[in-house]
Amino acid sequence: MQTSELIGYLAASFTTCSFVPQALHTFRTRDVSGISLGMYSVFTAGLVLWLIYGVTLAAWPIVASNSITLALAGTILGMKLQYGVRHPGG
């Protein structure tokens, strides 16, 4: 493994792992009140683009980290849509 690839895997691991505590908290509590729908929508779209970019370059650290983070962020976004939508009068 080249040094640049090792750095890529370490960076991907750190950034993906930094997202896990928020995801676990949200999964456990179903509390999405502090989650911004706009931010998570744009963030999730960005992850899809990073994933496509990584696949086109065959940059596996990018593909691996963004696949995992996309699964977590997509789940949180889905929970925000399911549990966080405020209905008029309710």
N, C-alpha and C. Protein backbone atom coordinates (compact mmCIF):
# COMPACT_ATOMS: atom_id res chain seq x y z
N MET A 1 0.85 -1.17 0.00
CA MET A 1 0.00 0.00 0.00
C MET A 1 0.89 1.23 0.00
N GLN A 2 0.56 2.18 -0.86
CA GLN A 2 1.31 3.42 -0.94
C GLN A 2 0.98 4.32 0.24
N THR A 3 1.91 5.20 0.54
CA THR A 3 1.71 6.13 1.66
C THR A 3 0.46 6.99 1.44
N SER A 4 0.26 7.47 0.22
CA SER A 4 -0.90 8.32 -0.05
C SER A 4 -2.21 7.55 0.15
N GLU A 5 -2.22 6.28 -0.20
CA GLU A 5 -3.42 5.45 0.00
C GLU A 5 -3.66 5.21 1.49
N LEU A 6 -2.58 4.99 2.24
CA LEU A 6 -2.71 4.82 3.69
C LEU A 6 -3.26 6.09 4.34
N ILE A 7 -2.76 7.24 3.92
CA ILE A 7 -3.27 8.51 4.43
C ILE A 7 -4.75 8.65 4.09
N GLY A 8 -5.13 8.27 2.90
CA GLY A 8 -6.53 8.33 2.49
C GLY A 8 -7.41 7.46 3.36
N TYR A 9 -6.97 6.23 3.65
CA TYR A 9 -7.74 5.34 4.51
C TYR A 9 -7.83 5.88 5.95
N LEU A 10 -6.74 6.44 6.45
CA LEU A 10 -6.77 7.02 7.80
C LEU A 10 -7.72 8.22 7.86
N ALA A 11 -7.62 9.10 6.87
CA ALA A 11 -8.50 10.27 6.84
C ALA A 11 -9.96 9.83 6.72
N ALA A 12 -10.23 8.87 5.87
CA ALA A 12 -11.59 8.35 5.70
C ALA A 12 -12.10 7.73 6.99
N SER A 13 -11.25 6.99 7.68
CA SER A 13 -11.64 6.37 8.94
C SER A 13 -11.97 7.42 9.99
N PHE A 14 -11.14 8.43 10.10
CA PHE A 14 -11.37 9.47 11.11
C PHE A 14 -12.66 10.24 10.83
N THR A 15 -12.86 10.66 9.59
CA THR A 15 -14.06 11.46 9.30
C THR A 15 -15.33 10.62 9.42
N THR A 16 -15.27 9.37 9.00
CA THR A 16 -16.44 8.50 9.12
C THR A 16 -16.72 8.19 10.59
N CYS A 17 -15.69 7.88 11.34
CA CYS A 17 -15.88 7.58 12.78
C CYS A 17 -16.39 8.79 13.54
N SER A 18 -16.03 9.99 13.13
CA SER A 18 -16.51 11.18 13.82
C SER A 18 -18.02 11.35 13.67
N PHE A 19 -18.58 10.76 12.66
CA PHE A 19 -20.01 10.86 12.41
C PHE A 19 -20.81 9.83 13.21
N VAL A 20 -20.18 8.76 13.63
CA VAL A 20 -20.87 7.64 14.30
C VAL A 20 -21.56 8.05 15.61
N PRO A 21 -20.95 8.83 16.51
CA PRO A 21 -21.67 9.17 17.76
C PRO A 21 -23.00 9.87 17.52
N GLN A 22 -23.04 10.81 16.56
CA GLN A 22 -24.31 11.49 16.26
C GLN A 22 -25.32 10.49 15.71
N ALA A 23 -24.88 9.62 14.84
CA ALA A 23 -25.78 8.62 14.27
C ALA A 23 -26.32 7.69 15.34
N LEU A 24 -25.45 7.19 16.21
CA LEU A 24 -25.91 6.29 17.28
C LEU A 24 -26.90 6.98 18.20
N HIS A 25 -26.61 8.23 18.56
CA HIS A 25 -27.52 8.99 19.42
C HIS A 25 -28.91 9.12 18.76
N THR A 26 -28.90 9.44 17.50
CA THR A 26 -30.17 9.62 16.78
C THR A 26 -30.91 8.30 16.66
N PHE A 27 -30.19 7.21 16.37
CA PHE A 27 -30.83 5.90 16.26
C PHE A 27 -31.46 5.48 17.58
N ARG A 28 -30.75 5.72 18.67
CA ARG A 28 -31.23 5.29 19.99
C ARG A 28 -32.41 6.11 20.49
N THR A 29 -32.34 7.42 20.31
CA THR A 29 -33.33 8.30 20.91
C THR A 29 -34.47 8.68 19.96
N ARG A 30 -34.25 8.54 18.68
CA ARG A 30 -35.20 9.00 17.66
C ARG A 30 -35.44 10.51 17.76
N ASP A 31 -34.54 11.19 18.46
CA ASP A 31 -34.64 12.64 18.62
C ASP A 31 -33.99 13.32 17.43
N VAL A 32 -34.79 13.89 16.58
CA VAL A 32 -34.29 14.57 15.41
C VAL A 32 -34.55 16.07 15.47
N SER A 33 -34.92 16.55 16.65
CA SER A 33 -35.27 17.97 16.80
C SER A 33 -34.09 18.89 16.50
N GLY A 34 -32.88 18.47 16.76
CA GLY A 34 -31.71 19.30 16.50
C GLY A 34 -31.10 19.07 15.13
N ILE A 35 -31.73 18.25 14.32
CA ILE A 35 -31.22 17.92 13.00
C ILE A 35 -31.85 18.86 11.97
N SER A 36 -31.02 19.50 11.18
CA SER A 36 -31.50 20.41 10.14
C SER A 36 -31.82 19.60 8.88
N LEU A 37 -33.07 19.66 8.44
CA LEU A 37 -33.48 18.95 7.24
C LEU A 37 -32.71 19.45 6.02
N GLY A 38 -32.55 20.76 5.91
CA GLY A 38 -31.81 21.31 4.79
C GLY A 38 -30.36 20.86 4.77
N MET A 39 -29.71 20.91 5.93
CA MET A 39 -28.31 20.52 6.02
C MET A 39 -28.13 19.04 5.66
N TYR A 40 -28.97 18.18 6.24
CA TYR A 40 -28.82 16.75 5.97
C TYR A 40 -29.18 16.40 4.53
N SER A 41 -30.10 17.12 3.92
CA SER A 41 -30.45 16.88 2.52
C SER A 41 -29.26 17.21 1.62
N VAL A 42 -28.66 18.37 1.84
CA VAL A 42 -27.51 18.78 1.03
C VAL A 42 -26.30 17.89 1.32
N PHE A 43 -26.08 17.56 2.60
CA PHE A 43 -24.98 16.69 3.00
C PHE A 43 -25.09 15.32 2.34
N THR A 44 -26.29 14.76 2.36
CA THR A 44 -26.50 13.44 1.76
C THR A 44 -26.29 13.49 0.25
N ALA A 45 -26.76 14.54 -0.40
CA ALA A 45 -26.53 14.70 -1.84
C ALA A 45 -25.03 14.81 -2.13
N GLY A 46 -24.31 15.55 -1.29
CA GLY A 46 -22.86 15.67 -1.45
C GLY A 46 -22.16 14.32 -1.30
N LEU A 47 -22.62 13.51 -0.36
CA LEU A 47 -22.03 12.18 -0.19
C LEU A 47 -22.24 11.31 -1.42
N VAL A 48 -23.42 11.41 -2.03
CA VAL A 48 -23.68 10.65 -3.26
C VAL A 48 -22.68 11.08 -4.34
N LEU A 49 -22.47 12.38 -4.47
CA LEU A 49 -21.52 12.87 -5.48
C LEU A 49 -20.09 12.44 -5.17
N TRP A 50 -19.68 12.48 -3.88
CA TRP A 50 -18.35 12.01 -3.50
C TRP A 50 -18.20 10.53 -3.83
N LEU A 51 -19.25 9.76 -3.59
CA LEU A 51 -19.21 8.33 -3.88
C LEU A 51 -19.03 8.10 -5.38
N ILE A 52 -19.79 8.80 -6.20
CA ILE A 52 -19.65 8.69 -7.65
C ILE A 52 -18.25 9.09 -8.08
N TYR A 53 -17.76 10.18 -7.53
CA TYR A 53 -16.40 10.65 -7.83
C TYR A 53 -15.37 9.59 -7.48
N GLY A 54 -15.49 9.01 -6.29
CA GLY A 54 -14.55 7.98 -5.87
C GLY A 54 -14.58 6.76 -6.76
N VAL A 55 -15.77 6.36 -7.19
CA VAL A 55 -15.89 5.20 -8.09
C VAL A 55 -15.25 5.50 -9.43
N THR A 56 -15.49 6.71 -9.97
CA THR A 56 -14.91 7.03 -11.28
C THR A 56 -13.38 7.08 -11.23
N LEU A 57 -12.83 7.43 -10.07
CA LEU A 57 -11.37 7.46 -9.93
C LEU A 57 -10.79 6.15 -9.40
N ALA A 58 -11.67 5.22 -9.03
CA ALA A 58 -11.25 3.98 -8.37
C ALA A 58 -10.45 4.31 -7.10
N ALA A 59 -10.90 5.34 -6.39
CA ALA A 59 -10.27 5.78 -5.15
C ALA A 59 -11.02 5.12 -4.00
N TRP A 60 -10.57 3.95 -3.62
CA TRP A 60 -11.32 3.12 -2.67
C TRP A 60 -11.45 3.70 -1.27
N PRO A 61 -10.50 4.49 -0.78
CA PRO A 61 -10.75 5.16 0.51
C PRO A 61 -11.96 6.10 0.45
N ILE A 62 -12.11 6.80 -0.67
CA ILE A 62 -13.24 7.70 -0.85
C ILE A 62 -14.53 6.90 -0.97
N VAL A 63 -14.49 5.82 -1.72
CA VAL A 63 -15.68 4.98 -1.90
C VAL A 63 -16.10 4.37 -0.57
N ALA A 64 -15.16 3.79 0.15
CA ALA A 64 -15.49 3.10 1.41
C ALA A 64 -16.07 4.07 2.44
N SER A 65 -15.38 5.18 2.66
CA SER A 65 -15.83 6.10 3.71
C SER A 65 -17.15 6.75 3.35
N ASN A 66 -17.32 7.14 2.11
CA ASN A 66 -18.57 7.79 1.73
C ASN A 66 -19.74 6.82 1.64
N SER A 67 -19.48 5.56 1.37
CA SER A 67 -20.55 4.56 1.40
C SER A 67 -21.09 4.41 2.82
N ILE A 68 -20.19 4.30 3.78
CA ILE A 68 -20.60 4.14 5.18
C ILE A 68 -21.31 5.40 5.67
N THR A 69 -20.70 6.55 5.43
CA THR A 69 -21.29 7.81 5.89
C THR A 69 -22.63 8.07 5.20
N LEU A 70 -22.74 7.70 3.92
CA LEU A 70 -24.01 7.86 3.21
C LEU A 70 -25.10 7.00 3.83
N ALA A 71 -24.76 5.78 4.20
CA ALA A 71 -25.74 4.91 4.86
C ALA A 71 -26.21 5.52 6.18
N LEU A 72 -25.27 6.04 6.97
CA LEU A 72 -25.63 6.67 8.25
C LEU A 72 -26.44 7.95 8.04
N ALA A 73 -25.96 8.83 7.18
CA ALA A 73 -26.64 10.10 6.95
C ALA A 73 -28.00 9.89 6.28
N GLY A 74 -28.07 8.93 5.36
CA GLY A 74 -29.34 8.65 4.72
C GLY A 74 -30.37 8.13 5.70
N THR A 75 -29.92 7.32 6.65
CA THR A 75 -30.83 6.82 7.67
C THR A 75 -31.31 7.95 8.58
N ILE A 76 -30.39 8.82 8.98
CA ILE A 76 -30.77 9.97 9.81
C ILE A 76 -31.72 10.89 9.04
N LEU A 77 -31.44 11.12 7.76
CA LEU A 77 -32.33 11.95 6.94
C LEU A 77 -33.72 11.31 6.87
N GLY A 78 -33.77 10.00 6.68
CA GLY A 78 -35.05 9.31 6.66
C GLY A 78 -35.79 9.44 7.98
N MET A 79 -35.05 9.34 9.09
CA MET A 79 -35.66 9.51 10.41
C MET A 79 -36.17 10.94 10.59
N LYS A 80 -35.42 11.91 10.10
CA LYS A 80 -35.86 13.30 10.18
C LYS A 80 -37.16 13.47 9.41
N LEU A 81 -37.24 12.88 8.24
CA LEU A 81 -38.46 12.98 7.45
C LEU A 81 -39.63 12.26 8.13
N GLN A 82 -39.34 11.14 8.75
CA GLN A 82 -40.40 10.35 9.39
C GLN A 82 -40.84 10.95 10.72
N TYR A 83 -39.88 11.29 11.59
CA TYR A 83 -40.21 11.71 12.95
C TYR A 83 -40.18 13.22 13.15
N GLY A 84 -39.57 13.95 12.26
CA GLY A 84 -39.34 15.36 12.52
C GLY A 84 -40.24 16.31 11.76
N VAL A 85 -41.09 15.78 10.91
CA VAL A 85 -41.97 16.64 10.14
C VAL A 85 -43.08 17.14 11.05
N ARG A 86 -43.19 18.44 11.14
CA ARG A 86 -44.24 19.04 11.98
C ARG A 86 -45.49 19.21 11.14
N HIS A 87 -46.57 18.74 11.67
CA HIS A 87 -47.86 18.88 10.99
C HIS A 87 -48.59 20.10 11.55
N PRO A 88 -49.27 20.86 10.70
CA PRO A 88 -50.01 22.02 11.19
C PRO A 88 -51.02 21.62 12.26
N GLY A 89 -50.98 22.34 13.34
CA GLY A 89 -51.92 22.07 14.43
C GLY A 89 -51.53 20.91 15.31
N GLY A 90 -50.34 20.32 15.09
CA GLY A 90 -50.00 19.15 15.88
C GLY A 90 -48.64 19.10 16.38
